[in-house]
Amino acid sequence: MAADENPGALRIEGGVVVSDGRPLDLPFPVTDARLIGGRIVVLYDPMSGPRFRQFPNVEAYGPGGKRLWVARHPTSETADVYVQFLSTTPLRLHSFAGFECELDPATGRIVHAVFTK
């Protein structure tokens, strides 16, 4: 986990994101989180979500903990989830289905997706 804009202001403790010393109330355990453009972008543990439907496991939150957006996946496959951050500038993530996706950090929408397998 890295806090790209303000080191020390964002960390993960036992699957919980702590921002400025306060834990965020999130619905699932977190494997990674990044501070991007004033937003906290979280990657939920892919194994913590539903098993029989797609798990939207990347979300962005404002500093007060308000959810701003939920990222969609590049496929409709049930097993597709995001598995890791590739970069923060631009915001790029890798999906289990083999896509590298660039997301708009303001909206969470896919700007560009490339199949890599």
C-alpha atoms as a PDB file:
ATOM      1  CA  MET A   1       0.000   0.000   0.000  1.00  0.00           C
ATOM      2  CA  ALA A   2       1.244   3.467  -0.824  1.00  0.00           C
ATOM      3  CA  ALA A   3      -0.102   6.919  -0.205  1.00  0.00           C
ATOM      4  CA  ASP A   4       1.105   8.687  -3.321  1.00  0.00           C
ATOM      5  CA  GLU A   5       0.198  12.253  -2.390  1.00  0.00           C
ATOM      6  CA  ASN A   6       0.753  12.340   1.367  1.00  0.00           C
ATOM      7  CA  PRO A   7       2.882   9.560   2.830  1.00  0.00           C
ATOM      8  CA  GLY A   8       1.806   8.589   6.335  1.00  0.00           C
ATOM      9  CA  ALA A   9      -1.729   9.950   5.936  1.00  0.00           C
ATOM     10  CA  LEU A  10      -3.111   6.650   4.627  1.00  0.00           C
ATOM     11  CA  ARG A  11      -2.356   3.119   5.790  1.00  0.00           C
ATOM     12  CA  ILE A  12      -3.948  -0.317   6.032  1.00  0.00           C
ATOM     13  CA  GLU A  13      -4.160  -2.100   9.367  1.00  0.00           C
ATOM     14  CA  GLY A  14      -5.695  -5.578   9.344  1.00  0.00           C
ATOM     15  CA  GLY A  15      -7.725  -4.926   6.209  1.00  0.00           C
ATOM     16  CA  VAL A  16      -8.969  -1.538   7.487  1.00  0.00           C
ATOM     17  CA  VAL A  17      -8.001   1.769   5.864  1.00  0.00           C
ATOM     18  CA  VAL A  18      -6.837   4.409   8.325  1.00  0.00           C
ATOM     19  CA  SER A  19      -6.842   7.958   6.982  1.00  0.00           C
ATOM     20  CA  ASP A  20      -5.410  10.788   9.088  1.00  0.00           C
ATOM     21  CA  GLY A  21      -5.544   8.511  12.125  1.00  0.00           C
ATOM     22  CA  ARG A  22      -9.218   7.535  11.689  1.00  0.00           C
ATOM     23  CA  PRO A  23     -10.463   4.182  10.356  1.00  0.00           C
ATOM     24  CA  LEU A  24     -12.884   4.292   7.428  1.00  0.00           C
ATOM     25  CA  ASP A  25     -16.093   2.318   7.780  1.00  0.00           C
ATOM     26  CA  LEU A  26     -15.885   0.062   4.708  1.00  0.00           C
ATOM     27  CA  PRO A  27     -18.005  -2.978   3.790  1.00  0.00           C
ATOM     28  CA  PHE A  28     -15.116  -5.373   2.998  1.00  0.00           C
ATOM     29  CA  PRO A  29     -11.479  -5.980   4.008  1.00  0.00           C
ATOM     30  CA  VAL A  30      -9.008  -3.943   1.962  1.00  0.00           C
ATOM     31  CA  THR A  31      -5.847  -5.306   0.316  1.00  0.00           C
ATOM     32  CA  ASP A  32      -4.587  -1.954  -1.003  1.00  0.00           C
ATOM     33  CA  ALA A  33      -5.531   1.721  -1.000  1.00  0.00           C
ATOM     34  CA  ARG A  34      -4.155   4.822  -2.676  1.00  0.00           C
ATOM     35  CA  LEU A  35      -4.671   8.529  -2.148  1.00  0.00           C
ATOM     36  CA  ILE A  36      -5.333   9.987  -5.605  1.00  0.00           C
ATOM     37  CA  GLY A  37      -6.506  13.536  -6.239  1.00  0.00           C
ATOM     38  CA  GLY A  38      -7.906  13.868  -2.728  1.00  0.00           C
ATOM     39  CA  ARG A  39      -9.812  10.594  -3.072  1.00  0.00           C
ATOM     40  CA  ILE A  40      -9.114   7.385  -1.221  1.00  0.00           C
ATOM     41  CA  VAL A  41      -9.280   4.606  -3.823  1.00  0.00           C
ATOM     42  CA  VAL A  42      -9.640   1.188  -2.180  1.00  0.00           C
ATOM     43  CA  LEU A  43      -9.101  -2.300  -3.563  1.00  0.00           C
ATOM     44  CA  TYR A  44     -11.180  -4.776  -1.571  1.00  0.00           C
ATOM     45  CA  ASP A  45      -9.883  -8.281  -1.002  1.00  0.00           C
ATOM     46  CA  PRO A  46     -11.226 -10.189  -4.041  1.00  0.00           C
ATOM     47  CA  MET A  47     -11.965 -13.237  -1.866  1.00  0.00           C
ATOM     48  CA  SER A  48     -14.223 -11.278   0.512  1.00  0.00           C
ATOM     49  CA  GLY A  49     -17.035 -10.580  -1.944  1.00  0.00           C
ATOM     50  CA  PRO A  50     -19.940 -12.583  -3.325  1.00  0.00           C
ATOM     51  CA  ARG A  51     -19.149 -15.867  -5.045  1.00  0.00           C
ATOM     52  CA  PHE A  52     -21.973 -16.128  -7.587  1.00  0.00           C
ATOM     53  CA  ARG A  53     -22.030 -12.629  -9.020  1.00  0.00           C
ATOM     54  CA  GLN A  54     -19.488 -10.048 -10.035  1.00  0.00           C
ATOM     55  CA  PHE A  55     -17.837  -8.224  -7.131  1.00  0.00           C
ATOM     56  CA  PRO A  56     -17.299  -4.470  -7.680  1.00  0.00           C
ATOM     57  CA  ASN A  57     -14.156  -4.362  -5.550  1.00  0.00           C
ATOM     58  CA  VAL A  58     -12.721  -0.911  -6.310  1.00  0.00           C
ATOM     59  CA  GLU A  59     -14.335   2.173  -4.808  1.00  0.00           C
ATOM     60  CA  ALA A  60     -13.349   5.777  -4.105  1.00  0.00           C
ATOM     61  CA  TYR A  61     -14.147   7.719  -0.961  1.00  0.00           C
ATOM     62  CA  GLY A  62     -13.881  11.366  -0.046  1.00  0.00           C
ATOM     63  CA  PRO A  63     -11.891  12.507   2.992  1.00  0.00           C
ATOM     64  CA  GLY A  64     -14.992  12.278   5.213  1.00  0.00           C
ATOM     65  CA  GLY A  65     -15.643   8.675   4.220  1.00  0.00           C
ATOM     66  CA  LYS A  66     -18.437   9.354   1.703  1.00  0.00           C
ATOM     67  CA  ARG A  67     -18.418   6.901  -1.221  1.00  0.00           C
ATOM     68  CA  LEU A  68     -17.854   8.795  -4.464  1.00  0.00           C
ATOM     69  CA  TRP A  69     -17.856   6.030  -7.064  1.00  0.00           C
ATOM     70  CA  VAL A  70     -17.669   2.291  -7.733  1.00  0.00           C
ATOM     71  CA  ALA A  71     -15.508   1.059 -10.624  1.00  0.00           C
ATOM     72  CA  ARG A  72     -17.039  -1.217 -13.223  1.00  0.00           C
ATOM     73  CA  HIS A  73     -15.227  -4.192 -14.657  1.00  0.00           C
ATOM     74  CA  PRO A  74     -14.144  -4.567 -18.290  1.00  0.00           C
ATOM     75  CA  THR A  75     -16.142  -7.818 -18.607  1.00  0.00           C
ATOM     76  CA  SER A  76     -19.437  -9.228 -17.383  1.00  0.00           C
ATOM     77  CA  GLU A  77     -17.756 -12.440 -16.175  1.00  0.00           C
ATOM     78  CA  THR A  78     -18.830 -13.474 -12.687  1.00  0.00           C
ATOM     79  CA  ALA A  79     -15.250 -14.218 -11.611  1.00  0.00           C
ATOM     80  CA  ASP A  80     -13.805 -10.898 -12.792  1.00  0.00           C
ATOM     81  CA  VAL A  81     -12.363  -8.667 -10.053  1.00  0.00           C
ATOM     82  CA  TYR A  82      -9.559  -6.145  -9.881  1.00  0.00           C
ATOM     83  CA  VAL A  83      -6.453  -7.709  -8.346  1.00  0.00           C
ATOM     84  CA  GLN A  84      -3.837  -4.949  -8.140  1.00  0.00           C
ATOM     85  CA  PHE A  85      -2.947  -1.354  -8.795  1.00  0.00           C
ATOM     86  CA  LEU A  86      -0.504  -0.941 -11.680  1.00  0.00           C
ATOM     87  CA  SER A  87      -0.089   2.830 -11.335  1.00  0.00           C
ATOM     88  CA  THR A  88      -1.788   5.880  -9.900  1.00  0.00           C
ATOM     89  CA  THR A  89      -0.860   8.428 -12.585  1.00  0.00           C
ATOM     90  CA  PRO A  90      -2.711   7.409 -14.634  1.00  0.00           C
ATOM     91  CA  LEU A  91      -4.930   5.248 -12.417  1.00  0.00           C
ATOM     92  CA  ARG A  92      -4.422   1.740 -13.817  1.00  0.00           C
ATOM     93  CA  LEU A  93      -5.489  -1.618 -12.382  1.00  0.00           C
ATOM     94  CA  HIS A  94      -5.152  -5.221 -13.462  1.00  0.00           C
ATOM     95  CA  SER A  95      -8.226  -7.476 -13.578  1.00  0.00           C
ATOM     96  CA  PHE A  96      -8.424 -11.214 -12.964  1.00  0.00           C
ATOM     97  CA  ALA A  97      -9.814 -11.629 -16.499  1.00  0.00           C
ATOM     98  CA  GLY A  98      -6.521 -10.340 -17.927  1.00  0.00           C
ATOM     99  CA  PHE A  99      -7.265  -6.690 -18.629  1.00  0.00           C
ATOM    100  CA  GLU A 100      -5.201  -3.644 -17.787  1.00  0.00           C
ATOM    101  CA  CYS A 101      -7.716  -0.870 -17.194  1.00  0.00           C
ATOM    102  CA  GLU A 102      -7.166   2.852 -16.962  1.00  0.00           C
ATOM    103  CA  LEU A 103      -9.839   4.475 -14.807  1.00  0.00           C
ATOM    104  CA  ASP A 104     -10.857   8.108 -14.563  1.00  0.00           C
ATOM    105  CA  PRO A 105     -10.007   8.948 -10.918  1.00  0.00           C
ATOM    106  CA  ALA A 106     -12.854  11.492 -10.777  1.00  0.00           C
ATOM    107  CA  THR A 107     -15.603   9.060 -11.842  1.00  0.00           C
ATOM    108  CA  GLY A 108     -14.210   5.505 -11.747  1.00  0.00           C
ATOM    109  CA  ARG A 109     -15.205   4.940 -15.376  1.00  0.00           C
ATOM    110  CA  ILE A 110     -12.975   2.878 -17.628  1.00  0.00           C
ATOM    111  CA  VAL A 111     -11.071   5.208 -19.958  1.00  0.00           C
ATOM    112  CA  HIS A 112      -9.129   2.452 -21.718  1.00  0.00           C
ATOM    113  CA  ALA A 113      -8.839  -1.331 -21.353  1.00  0.00           C
ATOM    114  CA  VAL A 114      -6.319  -3.668 -22.959  1.00  0.00           C
ATOM    115  CA  PHE A 115      -6.473  -7.458 -22.857  1.00  0.00           C
ATOM    116  CA  THR A 116      -3.029  -8.749 -21.799  1.00  0.00           C
ATOM    117  CA  LYS A 117      -3.309 -12.526 -21.631  1.00  0.00           C
END
